[in-house]
Amino acid sequence: MSIESPVPRTAVPLGITDPVESARAELKAALSAIEEKINVPKRVARKTDEAVTAVRSFARTNPTGAKAAAVGLAAAVGLVVWGIVRLYTR
């Protein structure tokens, strides 16, 4: 009994004996790998989703810490904007 596991898009399946099919599979895997590597919006969206999930988990487990972090972040952003405006107006 053989248990088949799904093959990632960027991998070549094992057991292909036909050279033409093997070349097609390698080309398809290479093109998929290139697409994954250069698709910056998709990568940014994936990382953003992971960050949102982590922040929501932190907020659920530590609501006080999440509120303090939000206030600190808002203060830091305000300070940076204030500094940029101050430098610009001088």
C-alpha atoms as a PDB file:
ATOM      1  CA  MET A   1       0.000   0.000   0.000  1.00  0.00           C
ATOM      2  CA  SER A   2       1.455   3.332  -1.076  1.00  0.00           C
ATOM      3  CA  ILE A   3       0.494   6.545   0.685  1.00  0.00           C
ATOM      4  CA  GLU A   4       0.713   9.460  -1.711  1.00  0.00           C
ATOM      5  CA  SER A   5       1.599  12.815  -0.229  1.00  0.00           C
ATOM      6  CA  PRO A   6       0.840  16.019  -2.083  1.00  0.00           C
ATOM      7  CA  VAL A   7       3.769  17.434  -4.015  1.00  0.00           C
ATOM      8  CA  PRO A   8       4.433  21.166  -3.612  1.00  0.00           C
ATOM      9  CA  ARG A   9       4.052  23.288  -6.731  1.00  0.00           C
ATOM     10  CA  THR A  10       7.792  23.973  -6.749  1.00  0.00           C
ATOM     11  CA  ALA A  11       8.851  20.296  -6.643  1.00  0.00           C
ATOM     12  CA  VAL A  12       9.119  17.630  -9.311  1.00  0.00           C
ATOM     13  CA  PRO A  13       7.134  14.460  -8.575  1.00  0.00           C
ATOM     14  CA  LEU A  14       9.118  11.245  -8.278  1.00  0.00           C
ATOM     15  CA  GLY A  15       8.653   8.295 -10.578  1.00  0.00           C
ATOM     16  CA  ILE A  16       8.366  10.064 -13.929  1.00  0.00           C
ATOM     17  CA  THR A  17      10.108   7.847 -16.468  1.00  0.00           C
ATOM     18  CA  ASP A  18       9.224   9.641 -19.705  1.00  0.00           C
ATOM     19  CA  PRO A  19      11.916  12.247 -20.462  1.00  0.00           C
ATOM     20  CA  VAL A  20       9.410  14.646 -22.044  1.00  0.00           C
ATOM     21  CA  GLU A  21       7.088  14.465 -19.036  1.00  0.00           C
ATOM     22  CA  SER A  22      10.079  14.871 -16.726  1.00  0.00           C
ATOM     23  CA  ALA A  23      11.218  17.998 -18.595  1.00  0.00           C
ATOM     24  CA  ARG A  24       7.696  19.429 -18.465  1.00  0.00           C
ATOM     25  CA  ALA A  25       7.458  18.755 -14.740  1.00  0.00           C
ATOM     26  CA  GLU A  26      10.852  20.375 -14.135  1.00  0.00           C
ATOM     27  CA  LEU A  27       9.882  23.429 -16.189  1.00  0.00           C
ATOM     28  CA  LYS A  28       6.572  23.739 -14.371  1.00  0.00           C
ATOM     29  CA  ALA A  29       8.330  23.487 -10.992  1.00  0.00           C
ATOM     30  CA  ALA A  30      10.964  26.043 -12.015  1.00  0.00           C
ATOM     31  CA  LEU A  31       8.347  28.520 -13.236  1.00  0.00           C
ATOM     32  CA  SER A  32       6.355  28.076 -10.035  1.00  0.00           C
ATOM     33  CA  ALA A  33       9.479  28.663  -7.945  1.00  0.00           C
ATOM     34  CA  ILE A  34      10.251  31.835  -9.898  1.00  0.00           C
ATOM     35  CA  GLU A  35       6.673  33.032  -9.472  1.00  0.00           C
ATOM     36  CA  GLU A  36       6.825  32.416  -5.719  1.00  0.00           C
ATOM     37  CA  LYS A  37      10.123  34.261  -5.462  1.00  0.00           C
ATOM     38  CA  ILE A  38       9.186  37.399  -7.423  1.00  0.00           C
ATOM     39  CA  ASN A  39       5.545  37.757  -6.404  1.00  0.00           C
ATOM     40  CA  VAL A  40       6.233  40.391  -3.745  1.00  0.00           C
ATOM     41  CA  PRO A  41       2.603  41.420  -3.128  1.00  0.00           C
ATOM     42  CA  LYS A  42       1.655  37.803  -2.413  1.00  0.00           C
ATOM     43  CA  ARG A  43       4.620  37.397  -0.052  1.00  0.00           C
ATOM     44  CA  VAL A  44       3.798  40.668   1.744  1.00  0.00           C
ATOM     45  CA  ALA A  45       0.156  39.635   2.081  1.00  0.00           C
ATOM     46  CA  ARG A  46       1.184  36.272   3.533  1.00  0.00           C
ATOM     47  CA  LYS A  47       3.539  37.905   6.071  1.00  0.00           C
ATOM     48  CA  THR A  48       0.878  40.483   6.962  1.00  0.00           C
ATOM     49  CA  ASP A  49      -1.663  37.731   7.615  1.00  0.00           C
ATOM     50  CA  GLU A  50       0.853  35.932   9.849  1.00  0.00           C
ATOM     51  CA  ALA A  51       1.574  39.149  11.779  1.00  0.00           C
ATOM     52  CA  VAL A  52      -2.135  39.915  12.234  1.00  0.00           C
ATOM     53  CA  THR A  53      -2.711  36.393  13.527  1.00  0.00           C
ATOM     54  CA  ALA A  54       0.181  36.743  15.991  1.00  0.00           C
ATOM     55  CA  VAL A  55      -1.032  40.151  17.237  1.00  0.00           C
ATOM     56  CA  ARG A  56      -4.605  38.891  17.666  1.00  0.00           C
ATOM     57  CA  SER A  57      -3.346  35.884  19.599  1.00  0.00           C
ATOM     58  CA  PHE A  58      -1.248  38.158  21.825  1.00  0.00           C
ATOM     59  CA  ALA A  59      -4.229  40.470  22.371  1.00  0.00           C
ATOM     60  CA  ARG A  60      -6.414  37.511  23.387  1.00  0.00           C
ATOM     61  CA  THR A  61      -3.885  36.180  25.886  1.00  0.00           C
ATOM     62  CA  ASN A  62      -2.664  39.542  27.215  1.00  0.00           C
ATOM     63  CA  PRO A  63      -5.185  42.354  26.630  1.00  0.00           C
ATOM     64  CA  THR A  64      -3.432  44.818  28.956  1.00  0.00           C
ATOM     65  CA  GLY A  65      -0.105  44.293  27.234  1.00  0.00           C
ATOM     66  CA  ALA A  66      -1.749  44.724  23.836  1.00  0.00           C
ATOM     67  CA  LYS A  67      -3.294  48.039  24.915  1.00  0.00           C
ATOM     68  CA  ALA A  68       0.057  49.232  26.257  1.00  0.00           C
ATOM     69  CA  ALA A  69       1.768  48.203  23.034  1.00  0.00           C
ATOM     70  CA  ALA A  70      -0.853  50.067  20.964  1.00  0.00           C
ATOM     71  CA  VAL A  71      -0.418  53.240  23.043  1.00  0.00           C
ATOM     72  CA  GLY A  72       3.375  52.954  22.788  1.00  0.00           C
ATOM     73  CA  LEU A  73       3.225  52.450  19.026  1.00  0.00           C
ATOM     74  CA  ALA A  74       0.887  55.430  18.603  1.00  0.00           C
ATOM     75  CA  ALA A  75       3.216  57.588  20.696  1.00  0.00           C
ATOM     76  CA  ALA A  76       6.248  56.480  18.676  1.00  0.00           C
ATOM     77  CA  VAL A  77       4.518  57.231  15.365  1.00  0.00           C
ATOM     78  CA  GLY A  78       3.411  60.629  16.680  1.00  0.00           C
ATOM     79  CA  LEU A  79       6.951  61.404  17.823  1.00  0.00           C
ATOM     80  CA  VAL A  80       8.408  60.455  14.445  1.00  0.00           C
ATOM     81  CA  VAL A  81       5.850  62.577  12.575  1.00  0.00           C
ATOM     82  CA  TRP A  82       6.449  65.489  14.934  1.00  0.00           C
ATOM     83  CA  GLY A  83      10.223  65.198  14.391  1.00  0.00           C
ATOM     84  CA  ILE A  84       9.873  65.104  10.602  1.00  0.00           C
ATOM     85  CA  VAL A  85       7.579  68.155  10.599  1.00  0.00           C
ATOM     86  CA  ARG A  86       9.922  70.003  12.946  1.00  0.00           C
ATOM     87  CA  LEU A  87      12.917  69.282  10.729  1.00  0.00           C
ATOM     88  CA  TYR A  88      10.981  70.324   7.623  1.00  0.00           C
ATOM     89  CA  THR A  89       9.795  73.627   9.083  1.00  0.00           C
ATOM     90  CA  ARG A  90      13.268  74.732  10.249  1.00  0.00           C
END
